Amino acid sequence: MVIPPPVKAQRITNFLKPYLLKMHFSNKFVSAQVIHVPTATVAAAATSQEKLLREAWTQTQQSTRDVSAAAKIGKILGERLLVNDIPAVSVVYKKKPKISW
């Protein structure tokens, strides 16, 4: 059973971009997804875990987890978005609280 996403008021969605960028950084890889919020589907995705990228970067001894890898993933994701006719996305910065003991 598929649960549909909650419906937002039309007045609010007119001012928001319907596509949301989500990036994830792990100790080994960088991944990014652009999600179409009204339908809750992935419009485009790119990650440094993709086989062709990972093989190319290991042959040239480039890292799959640093800032340059994130920039390359962003460039690849941008090209994929332009192919899908998506001109702009929203970015929401969430600061996770630091837990100190």
PDB file of N, CA and C in Angstrom:
ATOM      1  N   MET A   1       0.839  -1.176   0.000  1.00  0.00           N
ATOM      2  CA  MET A   1       0.000   0.000   0.000  1.00  0.00           C
ATOM      3  C   MET A   1       0.885   1.240   0.000  1.00  0.00           C
ATOM      4  N   VAL A   2       0.633   2.138  -0.927  1.00  0.00           N
ATOM      5  CA  VAL A   2       1.410   3.360  -1.049  1.00  0.00           C
ATOM      6  C   VAL A   2       0.658   4.489  -0.357  1.00  0.00           C
ATOM      7  N   ILE A   3       1.343   5.162   0.544  1.00  0.00           N
ATOM      8  CA  ILE A   3       0.739   6.284   1.254  1.00  0.00           C
ATOM      9  C   ILE A   3       1.105   7.556   0.507  1.00  0.00           C
ATOM     10  N   PRO A   4       0.122   8.321   0.033  1.00  0.00           N
ATOM     11  CA  PRO A   4       0.443   9.550  -0.706  1.00  0.00           C
ATOM     12  C   PRO A   4       1.017  10.601   0.231  1.00  0.00           C
ATOM     13  N   PRO A   5       1.854  11.486  -0.291  1.00  0.00           N
ATOM     14  CA  PRO A   5       2.420  12.542   0.547  1.00  0.00           C
ATOM     15  C   PRO A   5       1.331  13.520   0.966  1.00  0.00           C
ATOM     16  N   PRO A   6       1.526  14.230   2.078  1.00  0.00           N
ATOM     17  CA  PRO A   6       0.511  15.185   2.515  1.00  0.00           C
ATOM     18  C   PRO A   6       0.365  16.323   1.510  1.00  0.00           C
ATOM     19  N   VAL A   7      -0.834  16.782   1.373  1.00  0.00           N
ATOM     20  CA  VAL A   7      -1.142  17.842   0.411  1.00  0.00           C
ATOM     21  C   VAL A   7      -0.951  19.190   1.085  1.00  0.00           C
ATOM     22  N   LYS A   8      -0.169  20.067   0.443  1.00  0.00           N
ATOM     23  CA  LYS A   8       0.041  21.414   0.964  1.00  0.00           C
ATOM     24  C   LYS A   8      -0.934  22.356   0.289  1.00  0.00           C
ATOM     25  N   ALA A   9      -1.205  23.440   0.946  1.00  0.00           N
ATOM     26  CA  ALA A   9      -2.111  24.429   0.379  1.00  0.00           C
ATOM     27  C   ALA A   9      -1.530  24.963  -0.925  1.00  0.00           C
ATOM     28  N   GLN A  10      -2.372  25.171  -1.916  1.00  0.00           N
ATOM     29  CA  GLN A  10      -1.936  25.634  -3.228  1.00  0.00           C
ATOM     30  C   GLN A  10      -1.240  26.979  -3.124  1.00  0.00           C
ATOM     31  N   ARG A  11      -1.691  27.804  -2.221  1.00  0.00           N
ATOM     32  CA  ARG A  11      -1.119  29.128  -2.040  1.00  0.00           C
ATOM     33  C   ARG A  11       0.363  29.045  -1.646  1.00  0.00           C
ATOM     34  N   ILE A  12       0.712  28.058  -0.842  1.00  0.00           N
ATOM     35  CA  ILE A  12       2.098  27.899  -0.394  1.00  0.00           C
ATOM     36  C   ILE A  12       2.962  27.303  -1.502  1.00  0.00           C
ATOM     37  N   THR A  13       2.456  26.301  -2.193  1.00  0.00           N
ATOM     38  CA  THR A  13       3.273  25.624  -3.203  1.00  0.00           C
ATOM     39  C   THR A  13       3.553  26.493  -4.415  1.00  0.00           C
ATOM     40  N   ASN A  14       2.781  27.561  -4.618  1.00  0.00           N
ATOM     41  CA  ASN A  14       3.075  28.467  -5.733  1.00  0.00           C
ATOM     42  C   ASN A  14       4.399  29.192  -5.526  1.00  0.00           C
ATOM     43  N   PHE A  15       4.807  29.408  -4.281  1.00  0.00           N
ATOM     44  CA  PHE A  15       6.020  30.163  -3.991  1.00  0.00           C
ATOM     45  C   PHE A  15       7.231  29.273  -3.735  1.00  0.00           C
ATOM     46  N   LEU A  16       7.032  27.981  -3.640  1.00  0.00           N
ATOM     47  CA  LEU A  16       8.133  27.067  -3.379  1.00  0.00           C
ATOM     48  C   LEU A  16       8.558  26.363  -4.655  1.00  0.00           C
ATOM     49  N   LYS A  17       9.817  26.041  -4.739  1.00  0.00           N
ATOM     50  CA  LYS A  17      10.285  25.217  -5.846  1.00  0.00           C
ATOM     51  C   LYS A  17       9.942  23.773  -5.496  1.00  0.00           C
ATOM     52  N   PRO A  18       9.400  23.028  -6.439  1.00  0.00           N
ATOM     53  CA  PRO A  18       8.939  21.678  -6.085  1.00  0.00           C
ATOM     54  C   PRO A  18      10.055  20.644  -5.940  1.00  0.00           C
ATOM     55  N   TYR A  19      11.272  21.001  -6.280  1.00  0.00           N
ATOM     56  CA  TYR A  19      12.370  20.043  -6.213  1.00  0.00           C
ATOM     57  C   TYR A  19      13.287  20.386  -5.050  1.00  0.00           C
ATOM     58  N   LEU A  20      13.659  19.371  -4.273  1.00  0.00           N
ATOM     59  CA  LEU A  20      14.468  19.552  -3.075  1.00  0.00           C
ATOM     60  C   LEU A  20      15.749  18.734  -3.199  1.00  0.00           C
ATOM     61  N   LEU A  21      16.890  19.368  -2.921  1.00  0.00           N
ATOM     62  CA  LEU A  21      18.191  18.707  -2.978  1.00  0.00           C
ATOM     63  C   LEU A  21      18.522  18.122  -1.619  1.00  0.00           C
ATOM     64  N   LYS A  22      18.899  16.857  -1.605  1.00  0.00           N
ATOM     65  CA  LYS A  22      19.347  16.210  -0.369  1.00  0.00           C
ATOM     66  C   LYS A  22      20.709  15.592  -0.640  1.00  0.00           C
ATOM     67  N   MET A  23      21.674  15.938   0.194  1.00  0.00           N
ATOM     68  CA  MET A  23      23.028  15.391   0.047  1.00  0.00           C
ATOM     69  C   MET A  23      23.376  14.607   1.301  1.00  0.00           C
ATOM     70  N   HIS A  24      24.153  13.553   1.087  1.00  0.00           N
ATOM     71  CA  HIS A  24      24.592  12.724   2.205  1.00  0.00           C
ATOM     72  C   HIS A  24      26.094  12.483   2.069  1.00  0.00           C
ATOM     73  N   PHE A  25      26.791  12.719   3.150  1.00  0.00           N
ATOM     74  CA  PHE A  25      28.236  12.506   3.190  1.00  0.00           C
ATOM     75  C   PHE A  25      28.524  11.399   4.197  1.00  0.00           C
ATOM     76  N   SER A  26      29.148  10.329   3.747  1.00  0.00           N
ATOM     77  CA  SER A  26      29.570   9.277   4.662  1.00  0.00           C
ATOM     78  C   SER A  26      31.099   9.278   4.722  1.00  0.00           C
ATOM     79  N   ASN A  27      31.648   8.344   5.455  1.00  0.00           N
ATOM     80  CA  ASN A  27      33.107   8.276   5.562  1.00  0.00           C
ATOM     81  C   ASN A  27      33.769   7.812   4.273  1.00  0.00           C
ATOM     82  N   LYS A  28      32.984   7.145   3.394  1.00  0.00           N
ATOM     83  CA  LYS A  28      33.567   6.619   2.159  1.00  0.00           C
ATOM     84  C   LYS A  28      33.018   7.253   0.894  1.00  0.00           C
ATOM     85  N   PHE A  29      31.765   7.716   0.913  1.00  0.00           N
ATOM     86  CA  PHE A  29      31.119   8.153  -0.318  1.00  0.00           C
ATOM     87  C   PHE A  29      30.327   9.444  -0.134  1.00  0.00           C
ATOM     88  N   VAL A  30      29.991  10.063  -1.260  1.00  0.00           N
ATOM     89  CA  VAL A  30      29.133  11.246  -1.321  1.00  0.00           C
ATOM     90  C   VAL A  30      27.960  10.895  -2.228  1.00  0.00           C
ATOM     91  N   SER A  31      26.748  11.240  -1.795  1.00  0.00           N
ATOM     92  CA  SER A  31      25.595  10.988  -2.660  1.00  0.00           C
ATOM     93  C   SER A  31      24.664  12.192  -2.602  1.00  0.00           C
ATOM     94  N   ALA A  32      23.934  12.402  -3.694  1.00  0.00           N
ATOM     95  CA  ALA A  32      22.996  13.522  -3.789  1.00  0.00           C
ATOM     96  C   ALA A  32      21.764  13.064  -4.547  1.00  0.00           C
ATOM     97  N   GLN A  33      20.608  13.535  -4.097  1.00  0.00           N
ATOM     98  CA  GLN A  33      19.338  13.237  -4.746  1.00  0.00           C
ATOM     99  C   GLN A  33      18.537  14.515  -4.869  1.00  0.00           C
ATOM    100  N   VAL A  34      17.786  14.625  -5.947  1.00  0.00           N
ATOM    101  CA  VAL A  34      16.816  15.704  -6.098  1.00  0.00           C
ATOM    102  C   VAL A  34      15.448  15.042  -6.077  1.00  0.00           C
ATOM    103  N   ILE A  35      14.630  15.438  -5.102  1.00  0.00           N
ATOM    104  CA  ILE A  35      13.334  14.810  -4.878  1.00  0.00           C
ATOM    105  C   ILE A  35      12.227  15.774  -5.284  1.00  0.00           C
ATOM    106  N   HIS A  36      11.262  15.274  -6.047  1.00  0.00           N
ATOM    107  CA  HIS A  36      10.067  16.047  -6.395  1.00  0.00           C
ATOM    108  C   HIS A  36       9.119  15.914  -5.217  1.00  0.00           C
ATOM    109  N   VAL A  37       8.961  16.995  -4.455  1.00  0.00           N
ATOM    110  CA  VAL A  37       8.260  16.951  -3.178  1.00  0.00           C
ATOM    111  C   VAL A  37       6.776  16.607  -3.327  1.00  0.00           C
ATOM    112  N   PRO A  38       6.023  17.190  -4.259  1.00  0.00           N
ATOM    113  CA  PRO A  38       4.591  16.852  -4.316  1.00  0.00           C
ATOM    114  C   PRO A  38       4.308  15.374  -4.579  1.00  0.00           C
ATOM    115  N   THR A  39       5.142  14.717  -5.368  1.00  0.00           N
ATOM    116  CA  THR A  39       4.908  13.304  -5.660  1.00  0.00           C
ATOM    117  C   THR A  39       5.831  12.377  -4.885  1.00  0.00           C
ATOM    118  N   ALA A  40       6.789  12.931  -4.153  1.00  0.00           N
ATOM    119  CA  ALA A  40       7.747  12.164  -3.349  1.00  0.00           C
ATOM    120  C   ALA A  40       8.509  11.142  -4.193  1.00  0.00           C
ATOM    121  N   THR A  41       8.950  11.553  -5.381  1.00  0.00           N
ATOM    122  CA  THR A  41       9.742  10.685  -6.246  1.00  0.00           C
ATOM    123  C   THR A  41      11.114  11.313  -6.476  1.00  0.00           C
ATOM    124  N   VAL A  42      12.079  10.476  -6.777  1.00  0.00           N
ATOM    125  CA  VAL A  42      13.440  10.951  -7.047  1.00  0.00           C
ATOM    126  C   VAL A  42      13.518  11.368  -8.509  1.00  0.00           C
ATOM    127  N   ALA A  43      13.828  12.654  -8.739  1.00  0.00           N
ATOM    128  CA  ALA A  43      13.927  13.173 -10.103  1.00  0.00           C
ATOM    129  C   ALA A  43      15.291  12.859 -10.705  1.00  0.00           C
ATOM    130  N   ALA A  44      16.343  12.965  -9.909  1.00  0.00           N
ATOM    131  CA  ALA A  44      17.697  12.666 -10.376  1.00  0.00           C
ATOM    132  C   ALA A  44      18.562  12.326  -9.171  1.00  0.00           C
ATOM    133  N   ALA A  45      19.583  11.525  -9.412  1.00  0.00           N
ATOM    134  CA  ALA A  45      20.485  11.142  -8.331  1.00  0.00           C
ATOM    135  C   ALA A  45      21.886  10.923  -8.890  1.00  0.00           C
ATOM    136  N   ALA A  46      22.866  11.160  -8.038  1.00  0.00           N
ATOM    137  CA  ALA A  46      24.260  10.893  -8.392  1.00  0.00           C
ATOM    138  C   ALA A  46      25.000  10.520  -7.114  1.00  0.00           C
ATOM    139  N   THR A  47      25.916   9.587  -7.226  1.00  0.00           N
ATOM    140  CA  THR A  47      26.680   9.158  -6.065  1.00  0.00           C
ATOM    141  C   THR A  47      28.074   8.727  -6.502  1.00  0.00           C
ATOM    142  N   SER A  48      28.999   8.793  -5.572  1.00  0.00           N
ATOM    143  CA  SER A  48      30.354   8.344  -5.889  1.00  0.00           C
ATOM    144  C   SER A  48      30.463   6.827  -5.780  1.00  0.00           C
ATOM    145  N   GLN A  49      29.357   6.136  -5.494  1.00  0.00           N
ATOM    146  CA  GLN A  49      29.343   4.681  -5.466  1.00  0.00           C
ATOM    147  C   GLN A  49      29.047   4.081  -6.841  1.00  0.00           C
ATOM    148  N   GLU A  50      28.688   4.919  -7.812  1.00  0.00           N
ATOM    149  CA  GLU A  50      28.400   4.405  -9.149  1.00  0.00           C
ATOM    150  C   GLU A  50      29.654   3.742  -9.711  1.00  0.00           C
ATOM    151  N   LYS A  51      29.445   2.636 -10.368  1.00  0.00           N
ATOM    152  CA  LYS A  51      30.567   1.798 -10.783  1.00  0.00           C
ATOM    153  C   LYS A  51      31.541   2.528 -11.704  1.00  0.00           C
ATOM    154  N   LEU A  52      31.031   3.225 -12.707  1.00  0.00           N
ATOM    155  CA  LEU A  52      31.925   3.918 -13.654  1.00  0.00           C
ATOM    156  C   LEU A  52      32.728   5.022 -12.972  1.00  0.00           C
ATOM    157  N   LEU A  53      32.079   5.785 -12.115  1.00  0.00           N
ATOM    158  CA  LEU A  53      32.792   6.859 -11.401  1.00  0.00           C
ATOM    159  C   LEU A  53      33.835   6.285 -10.456  1.00  0.00           C
ATOM    160  N   ARG A  54      33.439   5.270  -9.705  1.00  0.00           N
ATOM    161  CA  ARG A  54      34.354   4.687  -8.726  1.00  0.00           C
ATOM    162  C   ARG A  54      35.582   4.096  -9.413  1.00  0.00           C
ATOM    163  N   GLU A  55      35.376   3.407 -10.538  1.00  0.00           N
ATOM    164  CA  GLU A  55      36.513   2.825 -11.259  1.00  0.00           C
ATOM    165  C   GLU A  55      37.418   3.901 -11.843  1.00  0.00           C
ATOM    166  N   ALA A  56      36.814   4.953 -12.397  1.00  0.00           N
ATOM    167  CA  ALA A  56      37.625   6.030 -12.975  1.00  0.00           C
ATOM    168  C   ALA A  56      38.423   6.755 -11.903  1.00  0.00           C
ATOM    169  N   TRP A  57      37.806   6.966 -10.748  1.00  0.00           N
ATOM    170  CA  TRP A  57      38.489   7.701  -9.688  1.00  0.00           C
ATOM    171  C   TRP A  57      39.563   6.850  -9.021  1.00  0.00           C
ATOM    172  N   THR A  58      39.371   5.545  -8.930  1.00  0.00           N
ATOM    173  CA  THR A  58      40.416   4.714  -8.326  1.00  0.00           C
ATOM    174  C   THR A  58      41.606   4.551  -9.272  1.00  0.00           C
ATOM    175  N   GLN A  59      41.361   4.577 -10.587  1.00  0.00           N
ATOM    176  CA  GLN A  59      42.480   4.491 -11.530  1.00  0.00           C
ATOM    177  C   GLN A  59      43.348   5.739 -11.458  1.00  0.00           C
ATOM    178  N   THR A  60      42.727   6.897 -11.239  1.00  0.00           N
ATOM    179  CA  THR A  60      43.498   8.136 -11.132  1.00  0.00           C
ATOM    180  C   THR A  60      43.824   8.483  -9.683  1.00  0.00           C
ATOM    181  N   GLN A  61      43.519   7.576  -8.777  1.00  0.00           N
ATOM    182  CA  GLN A  61      43.787   7.719  -7.345  1.00  0.00           C
ATOM    183  C   GLN A  61      43.158   8.975  -6.757  1.00  0.00           C
ATOM    184  N   GLN A  62      41.905   9.231  -7.130  1.00  0.00           N
ATOM    185  CA  GLN A  62      41.149  10.336  -6.545  1.00  0.00           C
ATOM    186  C   GLN A  62      40.249   9.786  -5.457  1.00  0.00           C
ATOM    187  N   SER A  63      39.964  10.615  -4.467  1.00  0.00           N
ATOM    188  CA  SER A  63      39.127  10.195  -3.349  1.00  0.00           C
ATOM    189  C   SER A  63      37.647  10.253  -3.724  1.00  0.00           C
ATOM    190  N   THR A  64      36.856   9.370  -3.120  1.00  0.00           N
ATOM    191  CA  THR A  64      35.414   9.363  -3.351  1.00  0.00           C
ATOM    192  C   THR A  64      34.660  10.038  -2.218  1.00  0.00           C
ATOM    193  N   ARG A  65      35.367  10.743  -1.329  1.00  0.00           N
ATOM    194  CA  ARG A  65      34.689  11.297  -0.161  1.00  0.00           C
ATOM    195  C   ARG A  65      35.094  12.716   0.212  1.00  0.00           C
ATOM    196  N   ASP A  66      35.929  13.376  -0.570  1.00  0.00           N
ATOM    197  CA  ASP A  66      36.377  14.708  -0.185  1.00  0.00           C
ATOM    198  C   ASP A  66      35.580  15.795  -0.909  1.00  0.00           C
ATOM    199  N   VAL A  67      36.022  17.024  -0.781  1.00  0.00           N
ATOM    200  CA  VAL A  67      35.314  18.170  -1.347  1.00  0.00           C
ATOM    201  C   VAL A  67      35.310  18.120  -2.868  1.00  0.00           C
ATOM    202  N   SER A  68      36.397  17.694  -3.468  1.00  0.00           N
ATOM    203  CA  SER A  68      36.438  17.623  -4.925  1.00  0.00           C
ATOM    204  C   SER A  68      35.464  16.569  -5.450  1.00  0.00           C
ATOM    205  N   ALA A  69      35.294  15.471  -4.705  1.00  0.00           N
ATOM    206  CA  ALA A  69      34.315  14.454  -5.105  1.00  0.00           C
ATOM    207  C   ALA A  69      32.905  15.020  -5.017  1.00  0.00           C
ATOM    208  N   ALA A  70      32.626  15.807  -3.982  1.00  0.00           N
ATOM    209  CA  ALA A  70      31.303  16.418  -3.844  1.00  0.00           C
ATOM    210  C   ALA A  70      31.046  17.407  -4.982  1.00  0.00           C
ATOM    211  N   ALA A  71      32.064  18.146  -5.381  1.00  0.00           N
ATOM    212  CA  ALA A  71      31.910  19.084  -6.496  1.00  0.00           C
ATOM    213  C   ALA A  71      31.628  18.344  -7.798  1.00  0.00           C
ATOM    214  N   LYS A  72      32.324  17.238  -8.017  1.00  0.00           N
ATOM    215  CA  LYS A  72      32.099  16.458  -9.236  1.00  0.00           C
ATOM    216  C   LYS A  72      30.714  15.819  -9.239  1.00  0.00           C
ATOM    217  N   ILE A  73      30.269  15.342  -8.085  1.00  0.00           N
ATOM    218  CA  ILE A  73      28.924  14.773  -7.979  1.00  0.00           C
ATOM    219  C   ILE A  73      27.885  15.864  -8.243  1.00  0.00           C
ATOM    220  N   GLY A  74      28.124  17.072  -7.744  1.00  0.00           N
ATOM    221  CA  GLY A  74      27.214  18.183  -8.011  1.00  0.00           C
ATOM    222  C   GLY A  74      27.146  18.534  -9.481  1.00  0.00           C
ATOM    223  N   LYS A  75      28.284  18.492 -10.151  1.00  0.00           N
ATOM    224  CA  LYS A  75      28.310  18.783 -11.589  1.00  0.00           C
ATOM    225  C   LYS A  75      27.551  17.713 -12.376  1.00  0.00           C
ATOM    226  N   ILE A  76      27.760  16.458 -12.026  1.00  0.00           N
ATOM    227  CA  ILE A  76      27.060  15.363 -12.704  1.00  0.00           C
ATOM    228  C   ILE A  76      25.562  15.460 -12.451  1.00  0.00           C
ATOM    229  N   LEU A  77      25.177  15.751 -11.214  1.00  0.00           N
ATOM    230  CA  LEU A  77      23.755  15.887 -10.882  1.00  0.00           C
ATOM    231  C   LEU A  77      23.132  17.059 -11.633  1.00  0.00           C
ATOM    232  N   GLY A  78      23.859  18.166 -11.740  1.00  0.00           N
ATOM    233  CA  GLY A  78      23.365  19.318 -12.487  1.00  0.00           C
ATOM    234  C   GLY A  78      23.134  18.999 -13.954  1.00  0.00           C
ATOM    235  N   GLU A  79      24.050  18.242 -14.550  1.00  0.00           N
ATOM    236  CA  GLU A  79      23.874  17.847 -15.951  1.00  0.00           C
ATOM    237  C   GLU A  79      22.656  16.941 -16.118  1.00  0.00           C
ATOM    238  N   ARG A  80      22.457  16.037 -15.173  1.00  0.00           N
ATOM    239  CA  ARG A  80      21.290  15.152 -15.243  1.00  0.00           C
ATOM    240  C   ARG A  80      19.991  15.928 -15.050  1.00  0.00           C
ATOM    241  N   LEU A  81      20.024  16.960 -14.223  1.00  0.00           N
ATOM    242  CA  LEU A  81      18.831  17.792 -14.026  1.00  0.00           C
ATOM    243  C   LEU A  81      18.499  18.572 -15.291  1.00  0.00           C
ATOM    244  N   LEU A  82      19.511  19.098 -15.960  1.00  0.00           N
ATOM    245  CA  LEU A  82      19.261  19.840 -17.196  1.00  0.00           C
ATOM    246  C   LEU A  82      18.710  18.938 -18.293  1.00  0.00           C
ATOM    247  N   VAL A  83      19.145  17.681 -18.326  1.00  0.00           N
ATOM    248  CA  VAL A  83      18.599  16.734 -19.296  1.00  0.00           C
ATOM    249  C   VAL A  83      17.111  16.497 -19.019  1.00  0.00           C
ATOM    250  N   ASN A  84      16.738  16.491 -17.730  1.00  0.00           N
ATOM    251  CA  ASN A  84      15.342  16.279 -17.339  1.00  0.00           C
ATOM    252  C   ASN A  84      14.526  17.569 -17.319  1.00  0.00           C
ATOM    253  N   ASP A  85      15.078  18.682 -17.817  1.00  0.00           N
ATOM    254  CA  ASP A  85      14.405  19.995 -17.852  1.00  0.00           C
ATOM    255  C   ASP A  85      14.004  20.491 -16.466  1.00  0.00           C
ATOM    256  N   ILE A  86      14.899  20.351 -15.507  1.00  0.00           N
ATOM    257  CA  ILE A  86      14.679  20.878 -14.166  1.00  0.00           C
ATOM    258  C   ILE A  86      15.671  22.017 -13.974  1.00  0.00           C
ATOM    259  N   PRO A  87      15.204  23.284 -14.002  1.00  0.00           N
ATOM    260  CA  PRO A  87      16.140  24.403 -13.978  1.00  0.00           C
ATOM    261  C   PRO A  87      16.643  24.802 -12.595  1.00  0.00           C
ATOM    262  N   ALA A  88      15.859  24.536 -11.539  1.00  0.00           N
ATOM    263  CA  ALA A  88      16.256  25.008 -10.213  1.00  0.00           C
ATOM    264  C   ALA A  88      15.753  24.050  -9.138  1.00  0.00           C
ATOM    265  N   VAL A  89      16.468  24.018  -8.016  1.00  0.00           N
ATOM    266  CA  VAL A  89      16.071  23.195  -6.878  1.00  0.00           C
ATOM    267  C   VAL A  89      16.168  24.016  -5.606  1.00  0.00           C
ATOM    268  N   SER A  90      15.475  23.565  -4.565  1.00  0.00           N
ATOM    269  CA  SER A  90      15.551  24.186  -3.249  1.00  0.00           C
ATOM    270  C   SER A  90      16.554  23.417  -2.403  1.00  0.00           C
ATOM    271  N   VAL A  91      17.209  24.127  -1.515  1.00  0.00           N
ATOM    272  CA  VAL A  91      18.145  23.509  -0.588  1.00  0.00           C
ATOM    273  C   VAL A  91      17.744  23.930   0.817  1.00  0.00           C
ATOM    274  N   VAL A  92      17.590  22.958   1.694  1.00  0.00           N
ATOM    275  CA  VAL A  92      17.239  23.236   3.085  1.00  0.00           C
ATOM    276  C   VAL A  92      18.414  22.789   3.939  1.00  0.00           C
ATOM    277  N   TYR A  93      18.981  23.726   4.671  1.00  0.00           N
ATOM    278  CA  TYR A  93      20.089  23.405   5.558  1.00  0.00           C
ATOM    279  C   TYR A  93      19.528  23.087   6.937  1.00  0.00           C
ATOM    280  N   LYS A  94      19.849  21.915   7.411  1.00  0.00           N
ATOM    281  CA  LYS A  94      19.434  21.528   8.749  1.00  0.00           C
ATOM    282  C   LYS A  94      20.691  21.298   9.568  1.00  0.00           C
ATOM    283  N   LYS A  95      20.766  21.972  10.663  1.00  0.00           N
ATOM    284  CA  LYS A  95      21.912  21.804  11.536  1.00  0.00           C
ATOM    285  C   LYS A  95      21.559  20.789  12.601  1.00  0.00           C
ATOM    286  N   LYS A  96      22.285  19.703  12.615  1.00  0.00           N
ATOM    287  CA  LYS A  96      22.022  18.688  13.625  1.00  0.00           C
ATOM    288  C   LYS A  96      22.645  19.153  14.948  1.00  0.00           C
ATOM    289  N   PRO A  97      21.927  18.942  16.032  1.00  0.00           N
ATOM    290  CA  PRO A  97      22.505  19.351  17.316  1.00  0.00           C
ATOM    291  C   PRO A  97      23.697  18.472  17.685  1.00  0.00           C
ATOM    292  N   LYS A  98      24.726  19.107  18.167  1.00  0.00           N
ATOM    293  CA  LYS A  98      25.907  18.363  18.599  1.00  0.00           C
ATOM    294  C   LYS A  98      25.665  17.853  20.010  1.00  0.00           C
ATOM    295  N   ILE A  99      25.935  16.592  20.193  1.00  0.00           N
ATOM    296  CA  ILE A  99      25.745  15.985  21.506  1.00  0.00           C
ATOM    297  C   ILE A  99      27.093  15.990  22.215  1.00  0.00           C
ATOM    298  N   SER A 100      27.127  16.626  23.333  1.00  0.00           N
ATOM    299  CA  SER A 100      28.372  16.647  24.100  1.00  0.00           C
ATOM    300  C   SER A 100      28.106  15.982  25.458  1.00  0.00           C
ATOM    301  N   TRP A 101      28.978  15.142  25.809  1.00  0.00           N
ATOM    302  CA  TRP A 101      28.817  14.417  27.076  1.00  0.00           C
ATOM    303  C   TRP A 101      29.739  14.957  28.106  1.00  0.00           C
TER     304      TRP A 101
END
